[in-house]
Amino acid sequence: MKTTDYTADTLEARLLERFGSENHFNVPDGYFDSLTGKVMNRIAKKRRVGLVWRWAAAAVLVGCVAAGGLFFESRNESQVAAAEDIQYIEDALDYSMIDNMSIASFLTEAE
């Protein structure tokens, strides 16, 4: 196996010999004149999209908090209503002067 020690000068000479000194890379005319505007437009679009996502996330969060509050409030109201119903039945039984033995015998006979 042959090893060749290339220096920077010999590499450059070989590249120039193979590809020439012509610049093979080019851009369309006026490309850099409009580049700044294009980049700034893309940045502005990304900022608007980011702002929309932030507002959407905030709206979802507020909606979840509101729904949770309504859920727990309605649950609390149903518990209060059930407690009021039980209190009403107990008061009605007290006013009717029916003792617990009469209620128990009525319930056992009904089965």
N, C-alpha and C. Protein backbone atom coordinates (compact mmCIF):
# COMPACT_ATOMS: atom_id res chain seq x y z
N MET A 1 0.83 -1.15 0.00
CA MET A 1 0.00 0.00 0.00
C MET A 1 0.89 1.24 0.00
N LYS A 2 0.58 2.13 -0.89
CA LYS A 2 1.39 3.32 -1.05
C LYS A 2 0.78 4.45 -0.22
N THR A 3 1.56 5.08 0.60
CA THR A 3 1.11 6.23 1.38
C THR A 3 1.74 7.46 0.77
N THR A 4 0.91 8.46 0.57
CA THR A 4 1.39 9.70 -0.01
C THR A 4 1.17 10.80 1.00
N ASP A 5 2.20 11.55 1.24
CA ASP A 5 2.10 12.65 2.20
C ASP A 5 1.80 13.91 1.41
N TYR A 6 0.55 14.39 1.57
CA TYR A 6 0.15 15.60 0.87
C TYR A 6 0.28 16.79 1.78
N THR A 7 0.78 17.85 1.23
CA THR A 7 0.81 19.11 1.96
C THR A 7 -0.33 19.98 1.43
N ALA A 8 -0.56 21.07 2.09
CA ALA A 8 -1.64 21.96 1.69
C ALA A 8 -1.41 22.49 0.28
N ASP A 9 -0.17 22.76 -0.05
CA ASP A 9 0.13 23.30 -1.38
C ASP A 9 -0.14 22.27 -2.47
N THR A 10 0.25 21.03 -2.22
CA THR A 10 0.04 20.00 -3.24
C THR A 10 -1.45 19.67 -3.38
N LEU A 11 -2.18 19.68 -2.27
CA LEU A 11 -3.62 19.44 -2.36
C LEU A 11 -4.30 20.55 -3.15
N GLU A 12 -3.93 21.77 -2.86
CA GLU A 12 -4.52 22.89 -3.57
C GLU A 12 -4.19 22.81 -5.06
N ALA A 13 -2.98 22.45 -5.37
CA ALA A 13 -2.56 22.34 -6.77
C ALA A 13 -3.36 21.25 -7.47
N ARG A 14 -3.56 20.12 -6.80
CA ARG A 14 -4.32 19.02 -7.42
C ARG A 14 -5.78 19.40 -7.61
N LEU A 15 -6.36 20.12 -6.63
CA LEU A 15 -7.76 20.55 -6.77
C LEU A 15 -7.92 21.55 -7.90
N LEU A 16 -6.98 22.51 -7.99
CA LEU A 16 -7.03 23.49 -9.08
C LEU A 16 -6.88 22.80 -10.44
N GLU A 17 -6.00 21.80 -10.49
CA GLU A 17 -5.79 21.07 -11.73
C GLU A 17 -7.06 20.31 -12.14
N ARG A 18 -7.73 19.74 -11.16
CA ARG A 18 -8.90 18.91 -11.46
C ARG A 18 -10.17 19.76 -11.73
N PHE A 19 -10.41 20.77 -10.92
CA PHE A 19 -11.66 21.53 -11.03
C PHE A 19 -11.47 22.92 -11.62
N GLY A 20 -10.29 23.42 -11.67
CA GLY A 20 -10.05 24.74 -12.21
C GLY A 20 -10.29 25.80 -11.13
N SER A 21 -10.11 27.06 -11.50
CA SER A 21 -10.24 28.14 -10.52
C SER A 21 -11.61 28.82 -10.61
N GLU A 22 -12.49 28.29 -11.45
CA GLU A 22 -13.81 28.87 -11.60
C GLU A 22 -14.69 28.56 -10.38
N ASN A 23 -15.49 29.53 -9.97
CA ASN A 23 -16.41 29.32 -8.84
C ASN A 23 -17.65 28.60 -9.37
N HIS A 24 -17.88 27.41 -8.90
CA HIS A 24 -18.99 26.58 -9.37
C HIS A 24 -20.29 26.87 -8.61
N PHE A 25 -20.21 27.65 -7.59
CA PHE A 25 -21.39 27.96 -6.79
C PHE A 25 -21.82 29.39 -7.08
N ASN A 26 -23.12 29.55 -7.37
CA ASN A 26 -23.62 30.89 -7.62
C ASN A 26 -25.05 30.99 -7.12
N VAL A 27 -25.49 32.21 -6.94
CA VAL A 27 -26.85 32.49 -6.48
C VAL A 27 -27.52 33.37 -7.52
N PRO A 28 -28.85 33.34 -7.55
CA PRO A 28 -29.55 34.19 -8.52
C PRO A 28 -29.27 35.67 -8.27
N ASP A 29 -29.41 36.44 -9.31
CA ASP A 29 -29.18 37.89 -9.20
C ASP A 29 -30.21 38.49 -8.23
N GLY A 30 -29.75 39.38 -7.37
CA GLY A 30 -30.63 40.05 -6.41
C GLY A 30 -31.05 39.19 -5.24
N TYR A 31 -30.45 38.02 -5.07
CA TYR A 31 -30.84 37.11 -3.98
C TYR A 31 -30.62 37.75 -2.62
N PHE A 32 -29.46 38.33 -2.42
CA PHE A 32 -29.15 38.91 -1.11
C PHE A 32 -29.89 40.22 -0.88
N ASP A 33 -30.40 40.86 -1.94
CA ASP A 33 -31.18 42.08 -1.77
C ASP A 33 -32.51 41.80 -1.09
N SER A 34 -33.13 40.64 -1.41
CA SER A 34 -34.44 40.31 -0.84
C SER A 34 -34.34 39.34 0.33
N LEU A 35 -33.15 38.89 0.66
CA LEU A 35 -33.00 37.89 1.72
C LEU A 35 -33.42 38.43 3.08
N THR A 36 -33.07 39.64 3.41
CA THR A 36 -33.40 40.22 4.71
C THR A 36 -34.91 40.28 4.92
N GLY A 37 -35.63 40.72 3.91
CA GLY A 37 -37.09 40.80 4.00
C GLY A 37 -37.72 39.43 4.18
N LYS A 38 -37.22 38.43 3.46
CA LYS A 38 -37.77 37.08 3.58
C LYS A 38 -37.54 36.51 4.99
N VAL A 39 -36.36 36.71 5.51
CA VAL A 39 -36.05 36.20 6.85
C VAL A 39 -36.92 36.89 7.90
N MET A 40 -37.08 38.20 7.78
CA MET A 40 -37.90 38.94 8.75
C MET A 40 -39.36 38.51 8.66
N ASN A 41 -39.88 38.24 7.48
CA ASN A 41 -41.26 37.76 7.33
C ASN A 41 -41.44 36.41 8.01
N ARG A 42 -40.47 35.52 7.85
CA ARG A 42 -40.57 34.21 8.50
C ARG A 42 -40.53 34.34 10.02
N ILE A 43 -39.70 35.22 10.53
CA ILE A 43 -39.63 35.43 11.98
C ILE A 43 -40.97 35.97 12.49
N ALA A 44 -41.55 36.91 11.76
CA ALA A 44 -42.84 37.50 12.18
C ALA A 44 -43.93 36.44 12.17
N LYS A 45 -43.94 35.56 11.16
CA LYS A 45 -44.95 34.49 11.11
C LYS A 45 -44.80 33.54 12.31
N LYS A 46 -43.57 33.19 12.63
CA LYS A 46 -43.34 32.28 13.75
C LYS A 46 -43.78 32.92 15.06
N ARG A 47 -43.55 34.23 15.20
CA ARG A 47 -43.98 34.92 16.42
C ARG A 47 -45.50 34.93 16.52
N ARG A 48 -46.18 35.17 15.39
CA ARG A 48 -47.65 35.17 15.40
C ARG A 48 -48.19 33.79 15.76
N VAL A 49 -47.60 32.76 15.18
CA VAL A 49 -48.04 31.39 15.48
C VAL A 49 -47.80 31.07 16.95
N GLY A 50 -46.66 31.46 17.47
CA GLY A 50 -46.36 31.24 18.89
C GLY A 50 -47.33 31.97 19.78
N LEU A 51 -47.70 33.17 19.41
CA LEU A 51 -48.65 33.96 20.19
C LEU A 51 -50.03 33.31 20.17
N VAL A 52 -50.43 32.81 19.00
CA VAL A 52 -51.73 32.12 18.90
C VAL A 52 -51.75 30.89 19.80
N TRP A 53 -50.67 30.12 19.80
CA TRP A 53 -50.62 28.91 20.64
C TRP A 53 -50.66 29.28 22.12
N ARG A 54 -50.03 30.37 22.50
CA ARG A 54 -50.07 30.78 23.91
C ARG A 54 -51.48 31.16 24.32
N TRP A 55 -52.18 31.93 23.47
CA TRP A 55 -53.55 32.31 23.79
C TRP A 55 -54.46 31.09 23.82
N ALA A 56 -54.24 30.15 22.90
CA ALA A 56 -55.06 28.94 22.89
C ALA A 56 -54.83 28.13 24.16
N ALA A 57 -53.60 28.01 24.58
CA ALA A 57 -53.30 27.27 25.81
C ALA A 57 -53.93 27.95 27.03
N ALA A 58 -53.87 29.27 27.05
CA ALA A 58 -54.48 30.00 28.17
C ALA A 58 -56.00 29.80 28.17
N ALA A 59 -56.62 29.81 26.99
CA ALA A 59 -58.08 29.61 26.91
C ALA A 59 -58.47 28.22 27.37
N VAL A 60 -57.69 27.22 26.99
CA VAL A 60 -57.96 25.85 27.44
C VAL A 60 -57.83 25.74 28.95
N LEU A 61 -56.81 26.36 29.49
CA LEU A 61 -56.60 26.32 30.94
C LEU A 61 -57.75 26.99 31.68
N VAL A 62 -58.18 28.15 31.21
CA VAL A 62 -59.31 28.84 31.84
C VAL A 62 -60.58 28.00 31.73
N GLY A 63 -60.79 27.37 30.59
CA GLY A 63 -61.96 26.51 30.41
C GLY A 63 -61.96 25.33 31.36
N CYS A 64 -60.79 24.71 31.54
CA CYS A 64 -60.68 23.57 32.47
C CYS A 64 -60.96 24.00 33.91
N VAL A 65 -60.43 25.14 34.29
CA VAL A 65 -60.66 25.63 35.66
C VAL A 65 -62.15 25.93 35.86
N ALA A 66 -62.78 26.56 34.86
CA ALA A 66 -64.20 26.88 34.97
C ALA A 66 -65.05 25.62 35.01
N ALA A 67 -64.74 24.65 34.16
CA ALA A 67 -65.50 23.39 34.15
C ALA A 67 -65.33 22.65 35.48
N GLY A 68 -64.11 22.64 36.01
CA GLY A 68 -63.88 22.01 37.31
C GLY A 68 -64.66 22.69 38.42
N GLY A 69 -64.68 24.01 38.41
CA GLY A 69 -65.44 24.75 39.42
C GLY A 69 -66.92 24.47 39.33
N LEU A 70 -67.46 24.44 38.10
CA LEU A 70 -68.88 24.13 37.93
C LEU A 70 -69.20 22.71 38.36
N PHE A 71 -68.31 21.78 38.05
CA PHE A 71 -68.52 20.39 38.44
C PHE A 71 -68.58 20.25 39.96
N PHE A 72 -67.62 20.83 40.65
CA PHE A 72 -67.60 20.70 42.10
C PHE A 72 -68.74 21.49 42.76
N GLU A 73 -69.13 22.60 42.16
CA GLU A 73 -70.24 23.38 42.71
C GLU A 73 -71.55 22.61 42.57
N SER A 74 -71.78 22.00 41.40
CA SER A 74 -73.01 21.24 41.21
C SER A 74 -73.02 20.00 42.09
N ARG A 75 -71.88 19.42 42.28
CA ARG A 75 -71.78 18.25 43.17
C ARG A 75 -72.11 18.65 44.60
N ASN A 76 -71.62 19.80 45.02
CA ASN A 76 -71.88 20.31 46.36
C ASN A 76 -73.37 20.61 46.52
N GLU A 77 -73.99 21.19 45.48
CA GLU A 77 -75.42 21.50 45.54
C GLU A 77 -76.25 20.23 45.67
N SER A 78 -75.87 19.15 44.96
CA SER A 78 -76.64 17.91 45.07
C SER A 78 -76.49 17.29 46.45
N GLN A 79 -75.32 17.43 47.06
CA GLN A 79 -75.13 16.92 48.42
C GLN A 79 -75.98 17.72 49.40
N VAL A 80 -76.07 19.03 49.22
CA VAL A 80 -76.88 19.88 50.08
C VAL A 80 -78.35 19.51 49.91
N ALA A 81 -78.78 19.28 48.65
CA ALA A 81 -80.17 18.91 48.38
C ALA A 81 -80.51 17.58 49.03
N ALA A 82 -79.58 16.61 48.95
CA ALA A 82 -79.82 15.31 49.58
C ALA A 82 -79.92 15.46 51.09
N ALA A 83 -79.08 16.27 51.68
CA ALA A 83 -79.14 16.49 53.13
C ALA A 83 -80.44 17.18 53.52
N GLU A 84 -80.92 18.11 52.68
CA GLU A 84 -82.19 18.78 52.96
C GLU A 84 -83.36 17.80 52.87
N ASP A 85 -83.29 16.87 51.89
CA ASP A 85 -84.34 15.86 51.77
C ASP A 85 -84.39 14.96 52.99
N ILE A 86 -83.23 14.54 53.47
CA ILE A 86 -83.18 13.69 54.66
C ILE A 86 -83.72 14.44 55.86
N GLN A 87 -83.34 15.69 56.00
CA GLN A 87 -83.84 16.50 57.12
C GLN A 87 -85.35 16.67 57.02
N TYR A 88 -85.90 16.85 55.82
CA TYR A 88 -87.34 16.99 55.63
C TYR A 88 -88.07 15.72 56.06
N ILE A 89 -87.52 14.55 55.66
CA ILE A 89 -88.16 13.28 56.04
C ILE A 89 -88.11 13.10 57.55
N GLU A 90 -86.97 13.38 58.15
CA GLU A 90 -86.87 13.24 59.61
C GLU A 90 -87.84 14.18 60.32
N ASP A 91 -87.97 15.40 59.85
CA ASP A 91 -88.92 16.35 60.46
C ASP A 91 -90.36 15.86 60.29
N ALA A 92 -90.69 15.34 59.10
CA ALA A 92 -92.04 14.85 58.86
C ALA A 92 -92.37 13.68 59.78
N LEU A 93 -91.39 12.78 59.99
CA LEU A 93 -91.62 11.65 60.89
C LEU A 93 -91.77 12.12 62.33
N ASP A 94 -91.01 13.12 62.72
CA ASP A 94 -91.15 13.65 64.08
C ASP A 94 -92.53 14.28 64.28
N TYR A 95 -93.02 15.01 63.31
CA TYR A 95 -94.31 15.68 63.43
C TYR A 95 -95.47 14.68 63.39
N SER A 96 -95.27 13.56 62.71
CA SER A 96 -96.36 12.58 62.62
C SER A 96 -96.45 11.71 63.87
N MET A 97 -95.45 11.81 64.73
CA MET A 97 -95.41 11.08 65.99
C MET A 97 -95.48 9.57 65.80
N ILE A 98 -94.82 9.11 64.75
CA ILE A 98 -94.71 7.66 64.54
C ILE A 98 -93.39 7.24 65.17
N ASP A 99 -93.46 6.22 66.04
CA ASP A 99 -92.23 5.78 66.70
C ASP A 99 -91.47 4.82 65.79
N ASN A 100 -90.24 4.57 66.15
CA ASN A 100 -89.35 3.75 65.33
C ASN A 100 -89.84 2.30 65.25
N MET A 101 -90.48 1.80 66.28
CA MET A 101 -90.98 0.42 66.27
C MET A 101 -92.09 0.27 65.22
N SER A 102 -92.95 1.25 65.10
CA SER A 102 -94.03 1.19 64.11
C SER A 102 -93.46 1.23 62.69
N ILE A 103 -92.46 2.05 62.51
CA ILE A 103 -91.81 2.12 61.17
C ILE A 103 -91.15 0.81 60.86
N ALA A 104 -90.41 0.23 61.81
CA ALA A 104 -89.72 -1.04 61.58
C ALA A 104 -90.71 -2.14 61.28
N SER A 105 -91.82 -2.23 62.03
CA SER A 105 -92.80 -3.30 61.77
C SER A 105 -93.46 -3.10 60.42
N PHE A 106 -93.71 -1.84 60.02
CA PHE A 106 -94.30 -1.58 58.71
C PHE A 106 -93.35 -2.03 57.59
N LEU A 107 -92.07 -1.73 57.74
CA LEU A 107 -91.10 -2.08 56.72
C LEU A 107 -90.92 -3.61 56.61
N THR A 108 -90.94 -4.30 57.74
CA THR A 108 -90.77 -5.76 57.72
C THR A 108 -92.02 -6.44 57.17
N GLU A 109 -93.18 -5.89 57.37
CA GLU A 109 -94.40 -6.47 56.83
C GLU A 109 -94.47 -6.26 55.32
N ALA A 110 -93.91 -5.16 54.85
CA ALA A 110 -93.98 -4.84 53.43
C ALA A 110 -93.11 -5.78 52.60
N GLU A 111 -92.13 -6.36 53.19
CA GLU A 111 -91.24 -7.26 52.43
C GLU A 111 -91.90 -8.55 52.31
